Each structure stands twice: as C-alpha cells, then as structure tokens.
Protein backbone atom coordinates (compact mmCIF):
# COMPACT_ATOMS: atom_id res chain seq x y z
CA MET A 1 270.96 66.35 91.11
CA ILE A 2 271.69 62.65 90.77
CA HIS A 3 275.39 63.44 90.27
CA GLY A 4 275.35 65.33 93.59
CA VAL A 5 273.82 62.33 95.34
CA ILE A 6 276.52 60.06 93.93
CA TYR A 7 279.19 62.48 95.13
CA ILE A 8 277.69 62.59 98.62
CA ASN A 9 277.51 58.80 98.79
CA ARG A 10 281.14 58.48 97.71
CA LYS A 11 282.18 61.09 100.25
CA ASN A 12 280.25 59.26 102.97
CA GLU A 13 281.88 55.98 101.95
CA LEU A 14 285.30 57.64 102.10
CA ASP A 15 284.54 59.18 105.50
CA ASP A 16 283.22 55.85 106.79
CA LYS A 17 286.30 53.97 105.61
CA VAL A 18 288.67 56.51 107.16
CA ARG A 19 286.68 56.39 110.41
CA HIS A 20 286.91 52.58 110.48
CA ILE A 21 290.67 52.81 109.95
CA ARG A 22 291.17 55.48 112.62
CA GLN A 23 289.01 53.65 115.16
CA ASN A 24 290.88 50.39 114.53
CA GLU A 25 287.71 48.61 113.40
CA LEU A 26 289.35 46.71 110.53
CA SER A 27 291.14 43.38 110.61
CA VAL A 28 294.81 43.32 109.69
CA GLN A 29 293.86 41.84 106.31
CA GLU A 30 291.26 44.56 105.66
CA LEU A 31 293.80 47.19 106.67
CA ILE A 32 296.40 45.79 104.28
CA GLU A 33 293.80 45.83 101.49
CA CYS A 34 293.28 49.55 102.14
CA LEU A 35 296.80 50.12 100.79
CA ASP A 36 295.32 49.27 97.36
CA SER A 37 292.82 52.13 97.56
CA LYS A 38 292.83 54.90 94.96
CA GLN A 39 292.09 57.45 97.71
CA ILE A 40 295.20 59.03 99.23
CA TYR A 41 293.39 59.77 102.50
CA ILE A 42 292.54 56.10 102.94
CA ILE A 43 296.10 55.10 102.13
CA SER A 44 297.66 57.72 104.42
CA ASN A 45 295.41 56.81 107.34
CA THR A 46 296.20 53.15 106.71
CA MET A 47 299.94 53.84 106.89
CA ILE A 48 299.47 55.62 110.21
CA ARG A 49 297.57 52.61 111.59
CA ILE A 50 300.18 50.17 110.20
CA VAL A 51 302.92 52.05 112.04
CA GLU A 52 300.86 52.18 115.24
CA LEU A 53 300.11 48.45 115.08
CA LYS A 54 303.63 47.62 113.86
CA ILE A 55 302.31 45.50 110.98
CA ASN A 56 305.41 44.62 109.02
CA ASN A 57 304.70 41.44 107.09
CA THR A 58 305.97 40.79 103.57
CA LEU A 59 302.71 41.83 101.91
CA VAL A 60 302.71 45.22 103.68
CA ILE A 61 306.30 45.86 102.68
CA GLU A 62 305.54 44.92 99.06
CA LYS A 63 302.51 47.23 98.95
CA LEU A 64 304.50 50.09 100.52
CA GLN A 65 307.28 49.56 97.97
CA ASN A 66 304.69 49.83 95.21
CA LEU A 67 303.32 53.05 96.70
CA THR A 68 306.76 54.69 96.68
CA GLN A 69 306.38 55.32 92.95
CA TYR A 70 303.76 57.99 93.75
CA MET A 71 305.96 60.95 94.63
CA GLY A 72 304.73 63.28 91.88
CA GLU A 73 302.64 66.41 92.39
CA ARG A 74 299.41 64.56 91.69
CA TYR A 75 299.83 62.54 94.90
CA THR A 76 300.91 65.25 97.33
CA PHE A 77 299.39 66.65 100.50
CA ALA A 78 301.43 69.67 101.59
CA GLU A 79 304.90 71.06 100.87
CA GLY A 80 305.26 68.54 98.05
CA ILE A 81 305.14 65.62 100.47
CA GLY A 82 303.09 62.86 98.94
CA ILE A 83 301.86 59.34 99.37
CA GLY A 84 305.15 57.93 98.04
CA HIS A 85 307.12 59.90 100.61
CA PHE A 86 304.85 58.61 103.38
CA ALA A 87 305.28 55.05 102.07
CA MET A 88 309.05 55.50 102.36
CA ALA A 89 308.63 56.96 105.84
CA THR A 90 306.51 53.97 106.84
CA LEU A 91 309.17 51.56 105.57
CA SER A 92 311.78 53.42 107.60
CA ILE A 93 309.73 53.58 110.79
CA LEU A 94 308.74 49.90 110.65
CA ASN A 95 312.48 49.34 111.14
CA THR A 96 312.71 45.67 110.17
CA SER A 97 315.48 44.19 108.04
CA ASP A 98 313.05 43.76 105.12
CA SER A 99 311.52 47.24 105.39
CA LEU A 100 314.91 48.92 105.75
CA LYS A 101 316.34 46.95 102.82
CA ALA A 102 313.48 48.14 100.61
CA TYR A 103 313.83 51.70 101.96
CA HIS A 104 317.57 51.92 101.21
CA GLU A 105 317.25 50.33 97.75
CA ILE A 106 314.65 52.91 96.73
CA LEU A 107 316.46 55.79 98.44
CA GLU A 108 319.58 55.25 96.29
CA ASN A 109 317.74 56.35 93.14
CA LEU A 110 315.92 59.41 94.45
CA LYS A 111 316.53 63.10 93.94
CA GLU A 112 317.67 65.18 96.92
CA VAL A 113 314.31 66.98 97.04
CA ASP A 114 312.49 63.65 97.51
CA ILE A 115 314.95 62.56 100.20
CA GLN A 116 314.26 65.80 102.10
CA ARG A 117 310.51 65.25 101.74
CA ILE A 118 310.87 61.69 103.05
CA GLU A 119 312.77 63.03 106.07
CA LYS A 120 309.90 65.46 106.73
CA ALA A 121 307.37 62.64 106.25
CA ILE A 122 309.23 60.56 108.85
CA VAL A 123 308.97 63.40 111.36
CA ILE A 124 305.27 63.90 110.61
CA LEU A 125 304.48 60.19 110.80
CA ASN A 126 306.39 59.82 114.05
CA ASP A 127 304.45 62.78 115.49
CA LEU A 128 301.13 61.28 114.36
CA THR A 129 301.87 57.86 115.79
CA ASN A 130 303.83 58.88 118.88
CA THR A 131 306.49 56.27 118.14
CA ASP A 132 310.13 56.53 119.06
C-alpha cells in the first residue's frame, strides 16, 4: 500500500512538472535544469519548449549534446525514435552556428538508421512547435 502511495506521488510530481513546462510556468534557468531530468517525458517536453522559446545559449547546447548519447532502445518513444534523436532535432531546429556545429559533428559518426530517425524527429518537433 505504501509503495502505491509513493508511485502516485511520483506520478503526480511528474505530471505537475510536465504541466509547468507546457504552460510556460518555469524560468529559463528552471527549464534548462529540466534537461538534467531522468524522466524522458520531462526532457522531451522541455525540448519542445526550448524550440518554441528559441533558447539557444551555450548551456542548452551542451546539455543537448550530452543527451544525444541516448539513442538506444531504452530511451525511445515510438518507431525507435528516442530522446537522443530529439536532442539532435532540437540542435538542428535551433539553427545557430553553435547548435549546427554540434549537430554536424555528432551526425558524422551515426548509423544511417539513426540519421533517418533524427530526420523524423525534426519533422515531429517542427509539427509540435509550429516552427518553420
């Protein structure tokens, strides 16, 4: 019973955090800190908000670069597209010299399957954020 209560509290905390991200109730610094979360739904919602707000400072780019290592099955959502693919998509969509430099450096060492998943992630992220 106690275990169930802990689970519910964690789920509520996760839901609350995602709601705060989606409703733009976090400062830029708090949003950037969300990229350090262990929860892929917090990270993915944070990336969407970063694209929408066009937050492209050095710290964001560094954190996104770090997240690109998570392209394995353990970190995927659908069709094999994972948090690492969305991090790459975010770097691409931010479209700054620093973000594109990081994107292209990482892209050089990826398998074709990951490149295709990144391309799909770019389309999905663009659809979610209504960016051009």
